[in-house]
Amino acid sequence: MGEPSREEYKIQSFDAETQQLLKTALKAPSLECTAACFETDGEYSVCQRSYSNCPRLMPSRCNTQDRNPGAVDLEKVANVIVDHSLQDCVFSKEAGRMCYAIIQAESKQAGQSVFRRGLLNRLQQEYQAREQLRARSLQGWVCYVTFICNIFDYLRVNNMPMMALVNPVYDCLFRLAQPDSLSKEEEVDCLVLQLHRVGEQLEKMNGQRMDELFVLIRDGFLLPTGLSSLAQLLLLEIIEFRAAGWKTTPAAHKYYYSEVSD
């Protein structure tokens, strides 16, 4: 149930051209908080320090002065990130940081939003084909839900979550709360993880849909046909998590996490 302790990903799985696209899109000298940097060994690390204080992002180390995100095909970059997110659930959990960094870099360097437009268009395409994706690949479906929730968590308009993503994210979570999904631990785990991550934000944007979602979750918990003991535990935990104001009490943390570890 926990998130990785370090946000580090290898990019050797990308071909050389794609690696260069990502490096160029990400390495902008004006990029500040939540900056992203590729080390020379191909390891992607998200750095939460400011550019001026981060040795990884110093021009002498990264050679960022000659890099301009507007000089690459940012629509292609968006497709690369989405494609990789659908194949790698670990990558999809933190890809929002990378997308945020590229959007910030493009805005500061070129004053455009080509990457964001390409990203949202691709998310919409995958959303419209979500049932086919789930039927074709359960892992790909779980990766997609993880990715779109991650994007919702990071992308902002006037410091507010993007309204255009609220209903698609809700629809994905509603699908995970259907009986056939609750019988699969991978989907239950995804549902609970994403509610931990974006549930409070979603409820603020549309409380009625959150109420309706938790009716499904409670029904699934109370009528546990086909549910594993772990799935029941996860559903009970998220029900209590929301009831406590989207917080985990010390007693609940001790109980649920000891149960999961056992």
C-alpha atoms as a PDB file:
ATOM      1  CA  MET A   1       0.000   0.000   0.000  1.00  0.00           C
ATOM      2  CA  GLY A   2       2.972   2.325   0.474  1.00  0.00           C
ATOM      3  CA  GLU A   3       4.573   4.520  -2.148  1.00  0.00           C
ATOM      4  CA  PRO A   4       8.206   3.991  -3.203  1.00  0.00           C
ATOM      5  CA  SER A   5      10.635   5.681  -0.817  1.00  0.00           C
ATOM      6  CA  ARG A   6      12.661   7.195  -3.673  1.00  0.00           C
ATOM      7  CA  GLU A   7      11.357   8.579  -6.956  1.00  0.00           C
ATOM      8  CA  GLU A   8      14.052   7.123  -9.197  1.00  0.00           C
ATOM      9  CA  TYR A   9      13.503   5.514 -12.550  1.00  0.00           C
ATOM     10  CA  LYS A  10      15.791   4.143 -15.197  1.00  0.00           C
ATOM     11  CA  ILE A  11      15.353   5.497 -18.716  1.00  0.00           C
ATOM     12  CA  GLN A  12      17.547   2.939 -20.472  1.00  0.00           C
ATOM     13  CA  SER A  13      14.362   1.168 -21.579  1.00  0.00           C
ATOM     14  CA  PHE A  14      13.708   4.089 -23.942  1.00  0.00           C
ATOM     15  CA  ASP A  15      15.502   4.183 -27.272  1.00  0.00           C
ATOM     16  CA  ALA A  16      18.246   6.781 -27.720  1.00  0.00           C
ATOM     17  CA  GLU A  17      16.049   9.216 -29.649  1.00  0.00           C
ATOM     18  CA  THR A  18      13.339   9.108 -27.005  1.00  0.00           C
ATOM     19  CA  GLN A  19      15.856   9.575 -24.194  1.00  0.00           C
ATOM     20  CA  GLN A  20      17.123  12.710 -25.907  1.00  0.00           C
ATOM     21  CA  LEU A  21      13.571  14.019 -26.365  1.00  0.00           C
ATOM     22  CA  LEU A  22      12.849  13.607 -22.663  1.00  0.00           C
ATOM     23  CA  LYS A  23      16.167  15.075 -21.586  1.00  0.00           C
ATOM     24  CA  THR A  24      15.686  18.130 -23.769  1.00  0.00           C
ATOM     25  CA  ALA A  25      12.084  18.628 -22.681  1.00  0.00           C
ATOM     26  CA  LEU A  26      12.979  18.363 -19.011  1.00  0.00           C
ATOM     27  CA  LYS A  27      16.269  20.252 -18.776  1.00  0.00           C
ATOM     28  CA  ALA A  28      15.310  23.910 -18.663  1.00  0.00           C
ATOM     29  CA  PRO A  29      17.525  26.336 -16.754  1.00  0.00           C
ATOM     30  CA  SER A  30      14.571  28.383 -15.523  1.00  0.00           C
ATOM     31  CA  LEU A  31      12.761  25.406 -14.044  1.00  0.00           C
ATOM     32  CA  GLU A  32      12.444  25.687 -10.289  1.00  0.00           C
ATOM     33  CA  CYS A  33      10.484  23.704  -7.676  1.00  0.00           C
ATOM     34  CA  THR A  34       9.728  20.043  -8.414  1.00  0.00           C
ATOM     35  CA  ALA A  35      12.444  20.057 -11.046  1.00  0.00           C
ATOM     36  CA  ALA A  36      13.477  16.929 -12.895  1.00  0.00           C
ATOM     37  CA  CYS A  37      16.963  15.927 -13.956  1.00  0.00           C
ATOM     38  CA  PHE A  38      18.534  13.034 -15.837  1.00  0.00           C
ATOM     39  CA  GLU A  39      21.868  11.886 -14.495  1.00  0.00           C
ATOM     40  CA  THR A  40      24.545  10.766 -16.952  1.00  0.00           C
ATOM     41  CA  ASP A  41      23.968   7.105 -16.061  1.00  0.00           C
ATOM     42  CA  GLY A  42      20.394   7.293 -17.320  1.00  0.00           C
ATOM     43  CA  GLU A  43      18.722   7.527 -13.948  1.00  0.00           C
ATOM     44  CA  TYR A  44      15.752   9.861 -13.635  1.00  0.00           C
ATOM     45  CA  SER A  45      15.416  11.547 -10.277  1.00  0.00           C
ATOM     46  CA  VAL A  46      12.822  14.029  -9.105  1.00  0.00           C
ATOM     47  CA  CYS A  47      14.414  16.759  -7.035  1.00  0.00           C
ATOM     48  CA  GLN A  48      12.187  18.827  -4.763  1.00  0.00           C
ATOM     49  CA  ARG A  49      14.815  21.455  -4.076  1.00  0.00           C
ATOM     50  CA  SER A  50      14.970  24.674  -6.018  1.00  0.00           C
ATOM     51  CA  TYR A  51      17.144  24.916  -9.113  1.00  0.00           C
ATOM     52  CA  SER A  52      19.533  27.371  -7.509  1.00  0.00           C
ATOM     53  CA  ASN A  53      20.186  25.069  -4.534  1.00  0.00           C
ATOM     54  CA  CYS A  54      20.268  21.715  -6.302  1.00  0.00           C
ATOM     55  CA  PRO A  55      23.703  20.439  -7.400  1.00  0.00           C
ATOM     56  CA  ARG A  56      22.032  18.071  -9.857  1.00  0.00           C
ATOM     57  CA  LEU A  57      20.549  20.999 -11.740  1.00  0.00           C
ATOM     58  CA  MET A  58      23.539  23.311 -11.840  1.00  0.00           C
ATOM     59  CA  PRO A  59      24.430  24.307 -15.439  1.00  0.00           C
ATOM     60  CA  SER A  60      27.948  22.922 -15.087  1.00  0.00           C
ATOM     61  CA  ARG A  61      26.513  19.525 -14.242  1.00  0.00           C
ATOM     62  CA  CYS A  62      23.474  19.332 -16.527  1.00  0.00           C
ATOM     63  CA  ASN A  63      24.529  21.657 -19.336  1.00  0.00           C
ATOM     64  CA  THR A  64      21.010  23.086 -19.449  1.00  0.00           C
ATOM     65  CA  GLN A  65      21.849  26.452 -20.947  1.00  0.00           C
ATOM     66  CA  ASP A  66      21.542  25.222 -24.522  1.00  0.00           C
ATOM     67  CA  ARG A  67      18.400  23.208 -23.941  1.00  0.00           C
ATOM     68  CA  ASN A  68      14.988  24.543 -24.861  1.00  0.00           C
ATOM     69  CA  PRO A  69      11.865  22.395 -24.399  1.00  0.00           C
ATOM     70  CA  GLY A  70      10.171  24.254 -27.233  1.00  0.00           C
ATOM     71  CA  ALA A  71      12.785  22.902 -29.632  1.00  0.00           C
ATOM     72  CA  VAL A  72      11.469  19.319 -29.433  1.00  0.00           C
ATOM     73  CA  ASP A  73       8.230  17.683 -30.573  1.00  0.00           C
ATOM     74  CA  LEU A  74       6.376  17.981 -27.269  1.00  0.00           C
ATOM     75  CA  GLU A  75       3.300  16.191 -28.581  1.00  0.00           C
ATOM     76  CA  LYS A  76       5.552  13.207 -29.271  1.00  0.00           C
ATOM     77  CA  VAL A  77       7.001  13.528 -25.773  1.00  0.00           C
ATOM     78  CA  ALA A  78       3.458  13.406 -24.325  1.00  0.00           C
ATOM     79  CA  ASN A  79       2.725  10.218 -26.258  1.00  0.00           C
ATOM     80  CA  VAL A  80       5.985   8.645 -25.107  1.00  0.00           C
ATOM     81  CA  ILE A  81       5.180   9.338 -21.458  1.00  0.00           C
ATOM     82  CA  VAL A  82       1.616   8.007 -21.763  1.00  0.00           C
ATOM     83  CA  ASP A  83       2.782   4.881 -23.610  1.00  0.00           C
ATOM     84  CA  HIS A  84       5.394   4.140 -20.971  1.00  0.00           C
ATOM     85  CA  SER A  85       2.933   4.840 -18.154  1.00  0.00           C
ATOM     86  CA  LEU A  86       0.520   2.254 -19.556  1.00  0.00           C
ATOM     87  CA  GLN A  87       3.279  -0.343 -19.511  1.00  0.00           C
ATOM     88  CA  ASP A  88       5.018   0.464 -16.225  1.00  0.00           C
ATOM     89  CA  CYS A  89       2.889   1.033 -13.122  1.00  0.00           C
ATOM     90  CA  VAL A  90       5.889   2.173 -11.083  1.00  0.00           C
ATOM     91  CA  PHE A  91       6.612   4.865 -13.651  1.00  0.00           C
ATOM     92  CA  SER A  92       2.935   5.884 -13.819  1.00  0.00           C
ATOM     93  CA  LYS A  93       2.845   6.555 -10.070  1.00  0.00           C
ATOM     94  CA  GLU A  94       5.192   9.528 -10.406  1.00  0.00           C
ATOM     95  CA  ALA A  95       4.920  10.512 -14.071  1.00  0.00           C
ATOM     96  CA  GLY A  96       2.838  13.508 -13.027  1.00  0.00           C
ATOM     97  CA  ARG A  97       5.998  15.132 -11.659  1.00  0.00           C
ATOM     98  CA  MET A  98       7.673  14.765 -15.024  1.00  0.00           C
ATOM     99  CA  CYS A  99       4.643  16.161 -16.865  1.00  0.00           C
ATOM    100  CA  TYR A 100       4.398  19.084 -14.445  1.00  0.00           C
ATOM    101  CA  ALA A 101       8.075  19.849 -14.980  1.00  0.00           C
ATOM    102  CA  ILE A 102       7.732  19.835 -18.772  1.00  0.00           C
ATOM    103  CA  ILE A 103       4.616  22.025 -18.670  1.00  0.00           C
ATOM    104  CA  GLN A 104       6.384  24.531 -16.430  1.00  0.00           C
ATOM    105  CA  ALA A 105       9.485  24.510 -18.619  1.00  0.00           C
ATOM    106  CA  GLU A 106       7.510  24.978 -21.842  1.00  0.00           C
ATOM    107  CA  SER A 107       5.481  27.810 -20.360  1.00  0.00           C
ATOM    108  CA  LYS A 108       8.560  29.681 -19.151  1.00  0.00           C
ATOM    109  CA  GLN A 109      10.705  29.070 -22.219  1.00  0.00           C
ATOM    110  CA  ALA A 110       8.172  29.259 -25.050  1.00  0.00           C
ATOM    111  CA  GLY A 111       4.954  30.593 -23.506  1.00  0.00           C
ATOM    112  CA  GLN A 112       3.013  27.725 -25.076  1.00  0.00           C
ATOM    113  CA  SER A 113       1.047  24.649 -23.975  1.00  0.00           C
ATOM    114  CA  VAL A 114       1.706  22.117 -26.738  1.00  0.00           C
ATOM    115  CA  PHE A 115       2.712  19.405 -24.275  1.00  0.00           C
ATOM    116  CA  ARG A 116      -0.308  19.885 -22.005  1.00  0.00           C
ATOM    117  CA  ARG A 117      -2.687  19.860 -24.971  1.00  0.00           C
ATOM    118  CA  GLY A 118      -1.107  16.699 -26.357  1.00  0.00           C
ATOM    119  CA  LEU A 119      -1.175  15.050 -22.938  1.00  0.00           C
ATOM    120  CA  LEU A 120      -4.856  15.825 -22.323  1.00  0.00           C
ATOM    121  CA  ASN A 121      -5.834  14.705 -25.832  1.00  0.00           C
ATOM    122  CA  ARG A 122      -4.095  11.381 -25.323  1.00  0.00           C
ATOM    123  CA  LEU A 123      -5.647  10.935 -21.869  1.00  0.00           C
ATOM    124  CA  GLN A 124      -9.065  11.520 -23.437  1.00  0.00           C
ATOM    125  CA  GLN A 125      -8.398   8.927 -26.140  1.00  0.00           C
ATOM    126  CA  GLU A 126      -7.419   6.307 -23.582  1.00  0.00           C
ATOM    127  CA  TYR A 127     -10.376   7.277 -21.376  1.00  0.00           C
ATOM    128  CA  GLN A 128     -12.840   6.731 -24.212  1.00  0.00           C
ATOM    129  CA  ALA A 129     -11.354   3.264 -24.818  1.00  0.00           C
ATOM    130  CA  ARG A 130     -11.020   2.345 -21.129  1.00  0.00           C
ATOM    131  CA  GLU A 131     -13.272  -0.740 -21.271  1.00  0.00           C
ATOM    132  CA  GLN A 132     -11.323  -2.128 -24.202  1.00  0.00           C
ATOM    133  CA  LEU A 133      -8.081  -1.399 -22.366  1.00  0.00           C
ATOM    134  CA  ARG A 134      -9.307  -3.218 -19.254  1.00  0.00           C
ATOM    135  CA  ALA A 135     -10.419  -6.217 -21.309  1.00  0.00           C
ATOM    136  CA  ARG A 136      -7.097  -6.310 -23.145  1.00  0.00           C
ATOM    137  CA  SER A 137      -4.765  -5.750 -20.200  1.00  0.00           C
ATOM    138  CA  LEU A 138      -5.686  -5.475 -16.545  1.00  0.00           C
ATOM    139  CA  GLN A 139      -2.212  -4.141 -15.767  1.00  0.00           C
ATOM    140  CA  GLY A 140      -2.523  -1.515 -18.505  1.00  0.00           C
ATOM    141  CA  TRP A 141      -5.892  -0.446 -17.098  1.00  0.00           C
ATOM    142  CA  VAL A 142      -4.528  -0.140 -13.547  1.00  0.00           C
ATOM    143  CA  CYS A 143      -1.550   1.812 -14.891  1.00  0.00           C
ATOM    144  CA  TYR A 144      -3.884   4.173 -16.745  1.00  0.00           C
ATOM    145  CA  VAL A 145      -5.988   4.893 -13.650  1.00  0.00           C
ATOM    146  CA  THR A 146      -2.818   5.473 -11.647  1.00  0.00           C
ATOM    147  CA  PHE A 147      -1.498   7.825 -14.318  1.00  0.00           C
ATOM    148  CA  ILE A 148      -4.645   9.928 -14.778  1.00  0.00           C
ATOM    149  CA  CYS A 149      -4.985  10.311 -11.002  1.00  0.00           C
ATOM    150  CA  ASN A 150      -1.347  11.338 -10.817  1.00  0.00           C
ATOM    151  CA  ILE A 151      -1.890  13.948 -13.537  1.00  0.00           C
ATOM    152  CA  PHE A 152      -4.987  15.216 -11.723  1.00  0.00           C
ATOM    153  CA  ASP A 153      -2.914  15.519  -8.552  1.00  0.00           C
ATOM    154  CA  TYR A 154      -0.178  17.632 -10.186  1.00  0.00           C
ATOM    155  CA  LEU A 155      -1.763  19.730 -12.930  1.00  0.00           C
ATOM    156  CA  ARG A 156      -3.342  22.991 -11.831  1.00  0.00           C
ATOM    157  CA  VAL A 157      -5.232  25.874 -13.412  1.00  0.00           C
ATOM    158  CA  ASN A 158      -5.163  29.017 -11.259  1.00  0.00           C
ATOM    159  CA  ASN A 159      -3.924  26.829  -8.397  1.00  0.00           C
ATOM    160  CA  MET A 160      -7.007  24.610  -8.644  1.00  0.00           C
ATOM    161  CA  PRO A 161      -7.344  21.020  -9.931  1.00  0.00           C
ATOM    162  CA  MET A 162      -8.358  20.772 -13.569  1.00  0.00           C
ATOM    163  CA  MET A 163     -12.152  20.547 -13.791  1.00  0.00           C
ATOM    164  CA  ALA A 164     -11.857  18.723 -17.115  1.00  0.00           C
ATOM    165  CA  LEU A 165     -10.288  15.749 -15.310  1.00  0.00           C
ATOM    166  CA  VAL A 166     -12.732  15.498 -12.382  1.00  0.00           C
ATOM    167  CA  ASN A 167     -15.423  13.394 -14.052  1.00  0.00           C
ATOM    168  CA  PRO A 168     -13.017  11.138 -15.993  1.00  0.00           C
ATOM    169  CA  VAL A 169     -11.138  10.379 -12.760  1.00  0.00           C
ATOM    170  CA  TYR A 170     -14.411   9.704 -10.948  1.00  0.00           C
ATOM    171  CA  ASP A 171     -15.574   7.443 -13.788  1.00  0.00           C
ATOM    172  CA  CYS A 172     -12.380   5.400 -13.525  1.00  0.00           C
ATOM    173  CA  LEU A 173     -12.777   5.039  -9.760  1.00  0.00           C
ATOM    174  CA  PHE A 174     -16.437   4.067 -10.163  1.00  0.00           C
ATOM    175  CA  ARG A 175     -15.325   1.331 -12.566  1.00  0.00           C
ATOM    176  CA  LEU A 176     -12.875   0.039  -9.988  1.00  0.00           C
ATOM    177  CA  ALA A 177     -15.714  -0.125  -7.442  1.00  0.00           C
ATOM    178  CA  GLN A 178     -17.892  -2.432  -9.576  1.00  0.00           C
ATOM    179  CA  PRO A 179     -18.355  -6.022  -8.302  1.00  0.00           C
ATOM    180  CA  ASP A 180     -16.241  -7.614 -11.046  1.00  0.00           C
ATOM    181  CA  SER A 181     -13.382  -5.225 -10.249  1.00  0.00           C
ATOM    182  CA  LEU A 182     -13.646  -5.671  -6.487  1.00  0.00           C
ATOM    183  CA  SER A 183     -13.036  -9.381  -6.998  1.00  0.00           C
ATOM    184  CA  LYS A 184      -9.543  -8.550  -8.303  1.00  0.00           C
ATOM    185  CA  GLU A 185      -6.987  -7.444  -5.708  1.00  0.00           C
ATOM    186  CA  GLU A 186      -5.034  -5.388  -8.253  1.00  0.00           C
ATOM    187  CA  GLU A 187      -8.050  -3.181  -8.912  1.00  0.00           C
ATOM    188  CA  VAL A 188      -9.010  -2.895  -5.240  1.00  0.00           C
ATOM    189  CA  ASP A 189      -5.455  -1.891  -4.384  1.00  0.00           C
ATOM    190  CA  CYS A 190      -5.489   0.707  -7.176  1.00  0.00           C
ATOM    191  CA  LEU A 191      -8.854   2.098  -6.013  1.00  0.00           C
ATOM    192  CA  VAL A 192      -7.655   2.507  -2.439  1.00  0.00           C
ATOM    193  CA  LEU A 193      -4.286   3.981  -3.380  1.00  0.00           C
ATOM    194  CA  GLN A 194      -5.849   6.590  -5.653  1.00  0.00           C
ATOM    195  CA  LEU A 195      -8.466   7.561  -3.085  1.00  0.00           C
ATOM    196  CA  HIS A 196      -5.654   8.071  -0.585  1.00  0.00           C
ATOM    197  CA  ARG A 197      -3.925  10.276  -3.124  1.00  0.00           C
ATOM    198  CA  VAL A 198      -6.725  12.366  -4.642  1.00  0.00           C
ATOM    199  CA  GLY A 199      -9.900  11.493  -2.734  1.00  0.00           C
ATOM    200  CA  GLU A 200      -9.978  14.642  -0.640  1.00  0.00           C
ATOM    201  CA  GLN A 201      -9.405  16.861  -3.686  1.00  0.00           C
ATOM    202  CA  LEU A 202     -12.112  15.052  -5.639  1.00  0.00           C
ATOM    203  CA  GLU A 203     -14.613  15.388  -2.821  1.00  0.00           C
ATOM    204  CA  LYS A 204     -14.048  19.140  -2.704  1.00  0.00           C
ATOM    205  CA  MET A 205     -14.721  19.336  -6.437  1.00  0.00           C
ATOM    206  CA  ASN A 206     -17.830  17.114  -6.391  1.00  0.00           C
ATOM    207  CA  GLY A 207     -18.979  15.780  -3.023  1.00  0.00           C
ATOM    208  CA  GLN A 208     -22.113  14.111  -4.387  1.00  0.00           C
ATOM    209  CA  ARG A 209     -20.158  11.781  -6.646  1.00  0.00           C
ATOM    210  CA  MET A 210     -17.865  10.869  -3.768  1.00  0.00           C
ATOM    211  CA  ASP A 211     -20.919   9.939  -1.681  1.00  0.00           C
ATOM    212  CA  GLU A 212     -22.166   7.765  -4.534  1.00  0.00           C
ATOM    213  CA  LEU A 213     -18.748   6.133  -4.929  1.00  0.00           C
ATOM    214  CA  PHE A 214     -18.619   5.210  -1.254  1.00  0.00           C
ATOM    215  CA  VAL A 215     -22.090   3.680  -1.444  1.00  0.00           C
ATOM    216  CA  LEU A 216     -20.613   1.276  -3.998  1.00  0.00           C
ATOM    217  CA  ILE A 217     -17.558   0.666  -1.832  1.00  0.00           C
ATOM    218  CA  ARG A 218     -19.649  -0.019   1.284  1.00  0.00           C
ATOM    219  CA  ASP A 219     -21.951  -2.332  -0.652  1.00  0.00           C
ATOM    220  CA  GLY A 220     -18.928  -4.181  -1.961  1.00  0.00           C
ATOM    221  CA  PHE A 221     -17.570  -4.539   1.557  1.00  0.00           C
ATOM    222  CA  LEU A 222     -20.889  -5.633   3.119  1.00  0.00           C
ATOM    223  CA  LEU A 223     -21.720  -8.088   0.345  1.00  0.00           C
ATOM    224  CA  PRO A 224     -18.275  -9.598  -0.074  1.00  0.00           C
ATOM    225  CA  THR A 225     -19.049 -12.224  -2.700  1.00  0.00           C
ATOM    226  CA  GLY A 226     -15.751 -13.100  -4.289  1.00  0.00           C
ATOM    227  CA  LEU A 227     -13.729 -10.638  -2.194  1.00  0.00           C
ATOM    228  CA  SER A 228     -10.428 -11.779  -0.759  1.00  0.00           C
ATOM    229  CA  SER A 229      -9.616 -11.060   2.876  1.00  0.00           C
ATOM    230  CA  LEU A 230      -7.037  -8.473   1.744  1.00  0.00           C
ATOM    231  CA  ALA A 231      -9.603  -6.719  -0.461  1.00  0.00           C
ATOM    232  CA  GLN A 232     -12.055  -6.564   2.453  1.00  0.00           C
ATOM    233  CA  LEU A 233      -9.350  -5.103   4.675  1.00  0.00           C
ATOM    234  CA  LEU A 234      -8.424  -2.467   2.098  1.00  0.00           C
ATOM    235  CA  LEU A 235     -12.051  -1.428   1.579  1.00  0.00           C
ATOM    236  CA  LEU A 236     -12.663  -1.139   5.314  1.00  0.00           C
ATOM    237  CA  GLU A 237      -9.508   0.933   5.684  1.00  0.00           C
ATOM    238  CA  ILE A 238     -10.534   3.441   2.988  1.00  0.00           C
ATOM    239  CA  ILE A 239     -14.066   3.712   4.434  1.00  0.00           C
ATOM    240  CA  GLU A 240     -12.611   4.610   7.831  1.00  0.00           C
ATOM    241  CA  PHE A 241      -9.973   6.846   6.241  1.00  0.00           C
ATOM    242  CA  ARG A 242     -12.633   9.029   4.630  1.00  0.00           C
ATOM    243  CA  ALA A 243     -14.811   8.977   7.763  1.00  0.00           C
ATOM    244  CA  ALA A 244     -11.848  10.358   9.717  1.00  0.00           C
ATOM    245  CA  GLY A 245     -11.582  13.363   7.367  1.00  0.00           C
ATOM    246  CA  TRP A 246      -9.161  11.741   4.916  1.00  0.00           C
ATOM    247  CA  LYS A 247      -6.672  11.046   7.684  1.00  0.00           C
ATOM    248  CA  THR A 248      -5.266   7.901   9.225  1.00  0.00           C
ATOM    249  CA  THR A 249      -5.451   7.777  12.992  1.00  0.00           C
ATOM    250  CA  PRO A 250      -2.476   6.230  14.825  1.00  0.00           C
ATOM    251  CA  ALA A 251      -4.643   3.315  15.959  1.00  0.00           C
ATOM    252  CA  ALA A 252      -5.917   2.679  12.427  1.00  0.00           C
ATOM    253  CA  HIS A 253      -2.393   2.881  10.995  1.00  0.00           C
ATOM    254  CA  LYS A 254      -1.124   0.354  13.515  1.00  0.00           C
ATOM    255  CA  TYR A 255      -4.041  -2.017  12.896  1.00  0.00           C
ATOM    256  CA  TYR A 256      -4.224  -1.951   9.106  1.00  0.00           C
ATOM    257  CA  TYR A 257      -0.556  -1.863   8.318  1.00  0.00           C
ATOM    258  CA  SER A 258       0.222  -4.649  10.779  1.00  0.00           C
ATOM    259  CA  GLU A 259      -2.560  -6.698   9.186  1.00  0.00           C
ATOM    260  CA  VAL A 260      -1.232  -6.110   5.678  1.00  0.00           C
ATOM    261  CA  SER A 261       2.330  -6.957   6.694  1.00  0.00           C
ATOM    262  CA  ASP A 262       1.141 -10.150   8.363  1.00  0.00           C
END
